[in-house]
């Protein structure tokens, strides 16, 4: 299972996909294509001045 970890300066949030992130933070919708491109290139990490996004593989028991 993969999750999206969004790290802000004062907190972190976990999402199942990027869609809810963009719904919650529409001010970043202009970065959507760039974020999807970077995340699809197996870098699994996107860094912005206000936040970082990491795609993590987790194991459920």
N, C-alpha and C. Protein backbone atom coordinates (compact mmCIF):
# COMPACT_ATOMS: atom_id res chain seq x y z
N UNK A 1 0.85 -1.17 0.00
CA UNK A 1 0.00 0.00 0.00
C UNK A 1 0.90 1.23 0.00
N UNK A 2 0.51 2.23 -0.79
CA UNK A 2 1.27 3.47 -0.84
C UNK A 2 0.45 4.60 -0.23
N UNK A 3 1.13 5.51 0.44
CA UNK A 3 0.51 6.70 0.98
C UNK A 3 1.32 7.92 0.55
N UNK A 4 0.68 9.06 0.60
CA UNK A 4 1.34 10.33 0.30
C UNK A 4 1.51 11.06 1.63
N UNK A 5 2.74 11.35 1.97
CA UNK A 5 3.06 12.09 3.19
C UNK A 5 3.39 13.52 2.79
N UNK A 6 2.64 14.47 3.33
CA UNK A 6 2.88 15.88 3.07
C UNK A 6 3.42 16.50 4.34
N UNK A 7 4.62 17.03 4.27
CA UNK A 7 5.30 17.59 5.44
C UNK A 7 5.33 19.11 5.32
N UNK A 8 4.61 19.76 6.21
CA UNK A 8 4.65 21.21 6.32
C UNK A 8 5.64 21.57 7.42
N UNK A 9 5.89 22.84 7.64
CA UNK A 9 6.83 23.25 8.68
C UNK A 9 6.35 22.88 10.08
N UNK A 10 5.05 22.91 10.30
CA UNK A 10 4.52 22.69 11.65
C UNK A 10 3.70 21.42 11.82
N UNK A 11 3.54 20.64 10.75
CA UNK A 11 2.71 19.43 10.85
C UNK A 11 2.95 18.53 9.64
N UNK A 12 2.39 17.34 9.70
CA UNK A 12 2.39 16.48 8.52
C UNK A 12 1.00 15.90 8.35
N UNK A 13 0.68 15.56 7.10
CA UNK A 13 -0.62 15.00 6.77
C UNK A 13 -0.40 13.81 5.85
N UNK A 14 -1.28 12.81 5.96
CA UNK A 14 -1.16 11.59 5.16
C UNK A 14 -2.42 11.45 4.31
N UNK A 15 -2.21 11.14 3.03
CA UNK A 15 -3.30 10.97 2.09
C UNK A 15 -3.13 9.65 1.35
N UNK A 16 -4.21 9.13 0.85
CA UNK A 16 -4.17 7.92 0.03
C UNK A 16 -3.78 8.21 -1.41
N UNK A 17 -3.98 9.46 -1.84
CA UNK A 17 -3.60 9.90 -3.18
C UNK A 17 -3.42 11.42 -3.13
N UNK A 18 -2.99 11.99 -4.24
CA UNK A 18 -2.81 13.43 -4.28
C UNK A 18 -4.11 14.21 -4.44
N UNK A 19 -5.15 13.56 -4.93
CA UNK A 19 -6.42 14.24 -5.17
C UNK A 19 -6.96 14.95 -3.93
N UNK A 20 -7.05 14.29 -2.76
CA UNK A 20 -7.55 14.99 -1.57
C UNK A 20 -6.64 16.14 -1.12
N UNK A 21 -5.35 16.02 -1.38
CA UNK A 21 -4.42 17.11 -1.06
C UNK A 21 -4.80 18.37 -1.84
N UNK A 22 -5.02 18.21 -3.15
CA UNK A 22 -5.38 19.36 -3.97
C UNK A 22 -6.78 19.88 -3.65
N UNK A 23 -7.67 19.02 -3.21
CA UNK A 23 -8.99 19.48 -2.78
C UNK A 23 -8.90 20.31 -1.51
N UNK A 24 -8.03 19.91 -0.60
CA UNK A 24 -7.87 20.63 0.67
C UNK A 24 -7.05 21.91 0.50
N UNK A 25 -6.12 21.91 -0.43
CA UNK A 25 -5.24 23.06 -0.64
C UNK A 25 -5.31 23.51 -2.10
N UNK A 26 -6.40 24.15 -2.49
CA UNK A 26 -6.56 24.55 -3.90
C UNK A 26 -5.53 25.60 -4.34
N UNK A 27 -4.86 26.25 -3.42
CA UNK A 27 -3.84 27.23 -3.80
C UNK A 27 -2.63 26.57 -4.47
N UNK A 28 -2.49 25.26 -4.32
CA UNK A 28 -1.38 24.54 -4.95
C UNK A 28 -1.78 23.83 -6.24
N UNK A 29 -3.00 24.03 -6.69
CA UNK A 29 -3.48 23.34 -7.89
C UNK A 29 -2.63 23.71 -9.11
N UNK A 30 -2.04 24.90 -9.12
CA UNK A 30 -1.19 25.29 -10.24
C UNK A 30 0.08 24.44 -10.34
N UNK A 31 0.45 23.77 -9.26
CA UNK A 31 1.62 22.89 -9.25
C UNK A 31 1.28 21.44 -9.58
N UNK A 32 0.01 21.17 -9.81
CA UNK A 32 -0.47 19.80 -9.97
C UNK A 32 0.30 19.02 -11.03
N UNK A 33 0.43 19.56 -12.23
CA UNK A 33 1.13 18.84 -13.31
C UNK A 33 2.58 18.58 -12.96
N UNK A 34 3.24 19.56 -12.38
CA UNK A 34 4.65 19.39 -12.00
C UNK A 34 4.81 18.33 -10.91
N UNK A 35 3.93 18.37 -9.91
CA UNK A 35 4.00 17.39 -8.82
C UNK A 35 3.75 15.98 -9.36
N UNK A 36 2.70 15.82 -10.17
CA UNK A 36 2.42 14.50 -10.75
C UNK A 36 3.59 14.00 -11.60
N UNK A 37 4.21 14.89 -12.35
CA UNK A 37 5.35 14.50 -13.19
C UNK A 37 6.51 14.01 -12.34
N UNK A 38 6.88 14.80 -11.34
CA UNK A 38 8.00 14.42 -10.47
C UNK A 38 7.71 13.12 -9.74
N UNK A 39 6.50 12.99 -9.20
CA UNK A 39 6.17 11.79 -8.43
C UNK A 39 6.08 10.55 -9.32
N UNK A 40 5.77 10.72 -10.59
CA UNK A 40 5.66 9.56 -11.48
C UNK A 40 7.02 9.10 -12.00
N UNK A 41 8.04 9.88 -11.80
CA UNK A 41 9.38 9.55 -12.29
C UNK A 41 10.19 8.75 -11.27
N UNK A 42 9.54 8.12 -10.35
CA UNK A 42 10.15 7.27 -9.32
C UNK A 42 11.06 8.04 -8.37
N UNK A 43 10.97 9.36 -8.39
CA UNK A 43 11.73 10.13 -7.42
C UNK A 43 11.07 10.04 -6.05
N UNK A 44 9.77 9.88 -6.05
CA UNK A 44 8.99 9.70 -4.83
C UNK A 44 9.09 10.88 -3.86
N UNK A 45 9.58 12.02 -4.36
CA UNK A 45 9.78 13.15 -3.48
C UNK A 45 9.64 14.45 -4.27
N UNK A 46 8.86 15.38 -3.75
CA UNK A 46 8.72 16.70 -4.34
C UNK A 46 8.91 17.73 -3.24
N UNK A 47 9.74 18.72 -3.49
CA UNK A 47 10.01 19.73 -2.47
C UNK A 47 9.58 21.11 -2.98
N UNK A 48 8.82 21.80 -2.15
CA UNK A 48 8.34 23.15 -2.40
C UNK A 48 8.78 23.99 -1.21
N UNK A 49 8.73 25.29 -1.32
CA UNK A 49 9.15 26.12 -0.19
C UNK A 49 8.25 25.97 1.03
N UNK A 50 6.97 25.64 0.81
CA UNK A 50 6.02 25.52 1.93
C UNK A 50 5.81 24.09 2.41
N UNK A 51 6.18 23.11 1.63
CA UNK A 51 5.93 21.73 2.00
C UNK A 51 6.80 20.78 1.19
N UNK A 52 6.84 19.53 1.63
CA UNK A 52 7.46 18.44 0.90
C UNK A 52 6.42 17.34 0.75
N UNK A 53 6.48 16.63 -0.36
CA UNK A 53 5.59 15.49 -0.58
C UNK A 53 6.46 14.27 -0.81
N UNK A 54 6.15 13.20 -0.09
CA UNK A 54 6.84 11.93 -0.26
C UNK A 54 5.83 10.83 -0.47
N UNK A 55 6.13 9.92 -1.38
CA UNK A 55 5.30 8.73 -1.57
C UNK A 55 6.00 7.60 -0.82
N UNK A 56 5.27 6.98 0.07
CA UNK A 56 5.84 5.93 0.92
C UNK A 56 5.09 4.61 0.69
N UNK A 57 5.82 3.54 0.65
CA UNK A 57 5.23 2.20 0.64
C UNK A 57 5.15 1.73 2.08
N UNK A 58 3.97 1.33 2.47
CA UNK A 58 3.78 0.81 3.83
C UNK A 58 3.19 -0.58 3.75
N UNK A 59 3.43 -1.34 4.77
CA UNK A 59 2.90 -2.70 4.83
C UNK A 59 1.83 -2.75 5.89
N UNK A 60 0.70 -3.30 5.52
CA UNK A 60 -0.39 -3.49 6.46
C UNK A 60 -0.38 -4.93 6.93
N UNK A 61 -0.57 -5.12 8.23
CA UNK A 61 -0.63 -6.47 8.78
C UNK A 61 -2.06 -6.87 9.00
